[in-house]
Protein backbone atom coordinates (compact mmCIF):
# COMPACT_ATOMS: atom_id res chain seq x y z
CA UNK A 1 154.70 67.12 145.28
CA UNK A 2 150.50 67.17 145.42
CA UNK A 3 149.14 66.63 142.48
CA UNK A 4 145.67 67.87 141.29
CA UNK A 5 143.37 66.71 138.54
CA UNK A 6 141.21 69.61 136.73
CA UNK A 7 138.20 67.93 134.65
CA UNK A 8 137.26 70.25 131.86
CA UNK A 9 135.24 70.35 128.50
CA UNK A 10 137.18 70.10 125.18
CA UNK A 11 136.03 73.90 123.72
CA UNK A 12 138.66 76.33 122.93
CA UNK A 13 137.40 78.49 125.88
CA UNK A 14 136.89 75.47 128.34
CA UNK A 15 140.93 74.55 127.69
CA UNK A 16 141.92 78.11 128.27
CA UNK A 17 139.85 78.46 131.49
CA UNK A 18 141.27 75.56 132.66
CA UNK A 19 144.57 76.10 131.71
CA UNK A 20 144.50 79.47 133.45
CA UNK A 21 143.06 77.92 136.51
CA UNK A 22 146.15 75.59 136.74
CA UNK A 23 148.59 78.48 135.90
CA UNK A 24 147.07 80.03 138.90
CA UNK A 25 147.49 77.16 141.40
CA UNK A 26 150.81 76.57 140.09
CA UNK A 27 151.57 80.23 140.89
CA UNK A 28 150.07 80.07 144.45
CA UNK A 29 151.46 76.59 145.43
CA UNK A 30 155.06 76.00 143.72
CA UNK A 31 155.20 71.84 144.77
CA UNK A 32 151.93 71.87 143.27
CA UNK A 33 151.46 69.26 139.35
CA UNK A 34 148.40 70.23 137.95
CA UNK A 35 147.12 67.96 134.91
CA UNK A 36 144.17 68.34 132.60
CA UNK A 37 140.87 65.67 131.76
CA UNK A 38 139.34 66.95 128.63
CA UNK A 39 135.80 65.69 128.25
CA UNK A 40 133.07 65.59 126.06
CA UNK A 41 129.55 66.89 127.47
CA UNK A 42 126.09 66.31 126.28
CA UNK A 43 125.65 70.01 125.67
CA UNK A 44 128.97 69.78 123.45
CA UNK A 45 127.89 66.72 121.28
CA UNK A 46 124.05 67.77 121.22
CA UNK A 47 124.09 71.36 118.78
CA UNK A 48 120.79 70.56 117.06
CA UNK A 49 118.74 71.81 119.56
CA UNK A 50 117.98 74.61 121.49
CA UNK A 51 120.04 74.34 125.16
CA UNK A 52 116.31 74.85 126.66
CA UNK A 53 114.53 72.19 124.64
CA UNK A 54 117.44 69.78 125.82
CA UNK A 55 117.81 70.27 129.77
CA UNK A 56 119.65 73.83 130.10
CA UNK A 57 123.32 74.69 130.52
CA UNK A 58 123.59 72.20 133.50
CA UNK A 59 124.70 69.73 130.30
CA UNK A 60 127.75 71.03 129.99
CA UNK A 61 128.83 70.30 133.80
CA UNK A 62 127.17 67.32 134.31
CA UNK A 63 130.23 64.70 132.94
CA UNK A 64 132.62 66.89 134.85
CA UNK A 65 130.96 66.78 137.91
CA UNK A 66 130.37 62.97 137.51
CA UNK A 67 133.95 62.57 137.08
CA UNK A 68 134.64 64.35 140.40
CA UNK A 69 132.24 62.28 142.28
CA UNK A 70 133.86 59.26 140.98
CA UNK A 71 137.36 60.36 141.95
CA UNK A 72 138.55 60.56 138.21
CA UNK A 73 139.09 64.52 139.17
CA UNK A 74 139.83 66.34 142.14
CA UNK A 75 137.84 69.64 140.36
CA UNK A 76 136.08 71.05 137.37
CA UNK A 77 136.25 74.58 135.83
CA UNK A 78 133.14 75.90 134.98
CA UNK A 79 131.84 79.58 133.78
CA UNK A 80 129.51 80.36 136.45
CA UNK A 81 126.79 81.46 134.00
CA UNK A 82 126.60 77.31 133.07
CA UNK A 83 126.15 76.57 136.67
CA UNK A 84 122.55 75.80 138.19
CA UNK A 85 121.64 77.37 141.51
CA UNK A 86 121.42 74.22 143.37
CA UNK A 87 124.82 71.82 143.13
CA UNK A 88 124.25 68.19 143.12
CA UNK A 89 125.24 66.66 146.82
CA UNK A 90 128.73 66.16 147.71
CA UNK A 91 130.12 69.17 145.84
CA UNK A 92 130.79 72.75 146.42
CA UNK A 93 131.45 75.53 144.72
CA UNK A 94 135.13 76.63 146.46
CA UNK A 95 135.79 79.50 144.41
CA UNK A 96 135.49 82.08 142.22
CA UNK A 97 137.89 84.15 140.12
CA UNK A 98 137.99 88.10 139.44
CA UNK A 99 135.20 88.38 137.31
CA UNK A 100 136.17 89.57 133.33
CA UNK A 101 133.89 91.91 131.17
CA UNK A 102 130.62 90.82 132.34
CA UNK A 103 129.28 92.72 128.85
CA UNK A 104 127.68 91.06 125.78
CA UNK A 105 129.14 91.85 122.86
CA UNK A 106 127.74 92.83 119.52
CA UNK A 107 129.74 91.00 116.69
CA UNK A 108 128.85 92.31 113.65
CA UNK A 109 129.91 94.01 110.22
CA UNK A 110 127.84 97.11 112.26
CA UNK A 111 129.00 99.18 114.59
CA UNK A 112 126.04 98.90 117.21
CA UNK A 113 122.97 97.43 117.85
CA UNK A 114 121.51 100.95 116.83
CA UNK A 115 122.61 100.56 113.43
CA UNK A 116 121.55 97.16 112.53
CA UNK A 117 119.34 96.93 109.35
CA UNK A 118 115.56 96.65 109.98
CA UNK A 119 114.78 92.90 110.79
CA UNK A 120 118.11 92.42 111.16
CA UNK A 121 118.86 88.40 111.62
CA UNK A 122 120.69 88.04 115.25
CA UNK A 123 121.87 85.11 116.41
CA UNK A 124 121.42 83.48 119.82
CA UNK A 125 120.56 80.48 121.91
CA UNK A 126 119.90 82.66 125.54
CA UNK A 127 116.24 83.67 126.28
CA UNK A 128 117.61 86.34 128.17
CA UNK A 129 119.33 88.14 125.18
CA UNK A 130 116.43 87.18 122.64
CA UNK A 131 113.84 89.00 125.54
CA UNK A 132 116.00 92.08 126.20
CA UNK A 133 116.97 92.62 122.10
CA UNK A 134 113.47 92.46 121.53
CA UNK A 135 112.56 94.95 124.10
CA UNK A 136 114.94 96.93 122.26
CA UNK A 137 114.01 96.58 118.76
CA UNK A 138 110.81 94.57 118.51
CA UNK A 139 111.85 94.43 114.35
CA UNK A 140 114.79 92.27 114.94
CA UNK A 141 114.88 88.03 114.05
CA UNK A 142 116.13 86.19 116.86
CA UNK A 143 117.46 82.88 114.92
CA UNK A 144 119.16 79.58 117.31
CA UNK A 145 122.92 79.66 117.35
CA UNK A 146 125.01 76.67 118.88
CA UNK A 147 128.34 75.86 118.81
CA UNK A 148 131.82 76.54 119.72
CA UNK A 149 133.10 80.47 119.68
CA UNK A 150 134.92 79.68 116.35
CA UNK A 151 131.73 77.82 115.40
CA UNK A 152 129.64 80.67 115.79
CA UNK A 153 132.07 83.25 114.59
CA UNK A 154 131.90 80.97 111.47
CA UNK A 155 128.80 81.24 110.56
CA UNK A 156 128.79 85.10 110.64
CA UNK A 157 131.07 84.65 108.38
CA UNK A 158 129.20 82.80 105.66
CA UNK A 159 126.36 85.35 106.28
CA UNK A 160 123.93 82.97 107.93
CA UNK A 161 123.66 85.89 110.43
CA UNK A 162 123.56 90.12 110.20
CA UNK A 163 125.14 90.14 113.65
CA UNK A 164 125.48 87.18 116.69
CA UNK A 165 125.81 88.07 120.22
CA UNK A 166 128.20 86.39 122.48
CA UNK A 167 129.75 87.04 126.06
CA UNK A 168 132.66 89.94 126.04
CA UNK A 169 134.36 87.73 128.27
CA UNK A 170 134.98 84.50 126.10
CA UNK A 171 136.00 86.56 122.97
CA UNK A 172 138.88 88.45 125.29
CA UNK A 173 139.85 85.27 126.73
CA UNK A 174 140.75 83.92 123.49
CA UNK A 175 142.44 87.10 122.09
CA UNK A 176 139.41 88.01 120.21
CA UNK A 177 138.74 91.03 121.26
CA UNK A 178 139.12 92.56 117.97
CA UNK A 179 135.74 91.06 116.77
CA UNK A 180 133.98 93.13 119.13
CA UNK A 181 132.13 95.98 117.66
CA UNK A 182 130.30 96.91 120.57
CA UNK A 183 130.04 96.22 124.36
CA UNK A 184 126.22 96.54 125.04
CA UNK A 185 125.16 98.50 127.47
CA UNK A 186 122.93 97.10 130.63
CA UNK A 187 120.27 99.36 129.75
CA UNK A 188 119.93 97.33 126.42
CA UNK A 189 121.15 93.89 127.80
CA UNK A 190 121.80 92.84 131.46
CA UNK A 191 124.35 89.94 131.96
CA UNK A 192 123.33 86.68 132.78
CA UNK A 193 123.94 85.19 136.56
CA UNK A 194 127.71 84.89 136.88
CA UNK A 195 128.99 85.81 133.67
CA UNK A 196 132.82 86.40 133.34
CA UNK A 197 133.33 84.72 135.95
CA UNK A 198 134.98 81.48 136.48
CA UNK A 199 133.73 78.64 139.50
CA UNK A 200 136.15 76.30 141.06
CA UNK A 201 134.18 73.20 141.91
CA UNK A 202 134.99 70.33 144.03
CA UNK A 203 133.85 67.41 146.53
CA UNK A 204 132.67 68.70 149.39
CA UNK A 205 134.76 66.15 151.71
CA UNK A 206 138.26 67.48 150.45
CA UNK A 207 139.68 69.79 152.79
CA UNK A 208 142.92 69.58 151.26
CA UNK A 209 141.91 70.27 147.67
CA UNK A 210 139.99 72.91 149.47
CA UNK A 211 142.80 74.57 150.88
CA UNK A 212 144.55 74.98 147.36
CA UNK A 213 141.89 76.18 145.85
CA UNK A 214 140.59 78.39 148.15
CA UNK A 215 143.65 80.69 147.22
CA UNK A 216 142.36 81.82 144.11
CA UNK A 217 138.82 83.01 145.41
CA UNK A 218 137.97 86.56 144.33
CA UNK A 219 136.27 88.01 147.37
CA UNK A 220 134.67 90.92 146.02
CA UNK A 221 133.31 89.02 143.02
CA UNK A 222 132.45 86.03 145.59
CA UNK A 223 129.81 88.53 147.05
CA UNK A 224 128.84 89.79 144.28
CA UNK A 225 128.23 85.98 142.30
CA UNK A 226 126.63 85.08 145.62
CA UNK A 227 123.54 88.13 145.18
CA UNK A 228 122.99 87.09 141.88
CA UNK A 229 122.70 83.13 142.73
CA UNK A 230 120.58 84.02 145.54
CA UNK A 231 117.92 85.83 142.90
CA UNK A 232 117.76 82.64 140.61
CA UNK A 233 117.53 80.52 143.26
CA UNK A 234 114.61 81.94 144.64
CA UNK A 235 112.99 82.36 141.32
CA UNK A 236 114.21 78.62 140.15
CA UNK A 237 116.11 79.89 137.49
CA UNK A 238 116.78 77.61 134.65
CA UNK A 239 117.35 78.36 130.74
CA UNK A 240 113.80 78.07 130.21
CA UNK A 241 113.60 81.49 131.76
CA UNK A 242 114.74 84.89 130.52
CA UNK A 243 116.16 86.97 133.66
CA UNK A 244 119.45 88.31 134.18
CA UNK A 245 121.33 89.84 137.09
CA UNK A 246 124.57 91.86 138.10
CA UNK A 247 126.05 93.11 141.34
CA UNK A 248 128.96 95.35 141.70
CA UNK A 249 130.99 96.84 144.36
CA UNK A 250 130.59 100.45 144.48
CA UNK A 251 133.37 102.90 145.48
CA UNK A 252 131.71 103.35 148.59
CA UNK A 253 131.62 100.17 149.47
CA UNK A 254 128.49 99.02 149.10
CA UNK A 255 126.43 96.59 146.86
CA UNK A 256 124.13 97.36 143.82
CA UNK A 257 122.26 94.61 142.53
CA UNK A 258 120.42 95.10 139.23
CA UNK A 259 117.71 91.89 137.91
CA UNK A 260 114.89 91.33 135.58
CA UNK A 261 112.83 89.00 134.43
CA UNK A 262 111.03 88.94 130.72
CA UNK A 263 109.14 87.58 128.42
CA UNK A 264 110.87 85.80 125.41
CA UNK A 265 108.96 88.37 122.89
CA UNK A 266 110.31 91.31 124.71
CA UNK A 267 106.74 92.79 125.67
CA UNK A 268 107.33 93.04 129.04
CA UNK A 269 110.36 93.36 131.26
CA UNK A 270 109.91 93.41 135.26
CA UNK A 271 113.03 95.40 136.26
CA UNK A 272 114.61 95.81 140.09
CA UNK A 273 117.44 97.54 141.09
CA UNK A 274 118.50 98.32 144.77
CA UNK A 275 121.87 98.86 146.50
CA UNK A 276 123.12 97.65 150.21
CA UNK A 277 125.40 96.67 152.40
CA UNK A 278 128.13 94.16 150.65
CA UNK A 279 127.97 91.73 153.39
CA UNK A 280 124.09 91.64 152.91
CA UNK A 281 124.56 90.33 149.17
CA UNK A 282 122.74 87.29 149.68
CA UNK A 283 119.74 89.02 151.36
CA UNK A 284 119.89 91.78 147.96
CA UNK A 285 119.30 89.39 145.57
CA UNK A 286 116.27 87.55 147.52
CA UNK A 287 115.08 90.55 148.32
CA UNK A 288 115.14 91.89 144.54
CA UNK A 289 113.56 88.47 143.63
CA UNK A 290 111.23 89.40 145.94
CA UNK A 291 110.13 92.67 144.44
CA UNK A 292 109.64 90.90 140.95
CA UNK A 293 107.41 88.52 142.05
CA UNK A 294 105.44 91.04 143.57
CA UNK A 295 105.24 93.02 140.34
CA UNK A 296 103.90 89.75 138.73
CA UNK A 297 106.86 87.78 137.77
CA UNK A 298 105.15 84.74 139.24
CA UNK A 299 102.50 84.79 136.53
CA UNK A 300 105.28 85.25 133.98
CA UNK A 301 107.50 82.59 134.96
CA UNK A 302 104.50 80.14 135.23
CA UNK A 303 103.43 80.84 131.43
CA UNK A 304 107.28 80.84 130.34
CA UNK A 305 107.79 77.38 131.84
CA UNK A 306 104.16 76.21 130.12
CA UNK A 307 105.28 77.35 126.91
CA UNK A 308 108.90 75.60 127.21
CA UNK A 309 107.06 72.43 128.89
């Protein structure tokens, strides 16, 4: 019997994702045993500051990666939107699972963004969401919101916010789809790179693990995420940068790619859309980034990084 150890955060969503991947691995390999190694990450502990101010979403995965490199775990399951463009030496993203709903979700006593009251208090720590929400309606008051899904919902229910924005995928995975009042359209809020996708990371020099995990890779999702991550890599994406990207395979087999970079106050949004051969996914993402740079994204990004130094 072969055993695989999965490093995971302790949040309910992270545990759900790790358990889901464990079940898929055991279904694909009947003689495989999988056990979880729950860990606390810096991103889970430091809840008093915005992510952009304390190092970004990579804080959620560093301890998991350390466990893999130290041979305490064989792999880790991540939300791909939390994974930086560059992986540490010695690690590889071996597989991505089929994408769940990529939309952002409005959670509120109101049925849509359009019906939120003037000056509505909206909870999110995502600069990407903040920029797009303010571009849609300048009257919104964006307030910081950290913690796991249950913590965020409790703060909404306690009246600290008029609405909060969460990933629809996370709510659906936790069986909380009834809390979604509106799946926000891409015209109002384009998703984060890799949103709705789980990635499986392991050591680069572990061919047996690659073989076992590779059975879970979803080819179409992998192509779409490759375009999105190429876009982010070209623009050196971090939590300090409000950018969004989404790739989707069309019925005719081509890949449609949409991406944007925005000012955090929503005063400026640079947008690109293109369609091309799915085999050119990485090129599409890079071309979109180059087009936004020609529109002035380099200046906008420099200003944003200086502001969030």
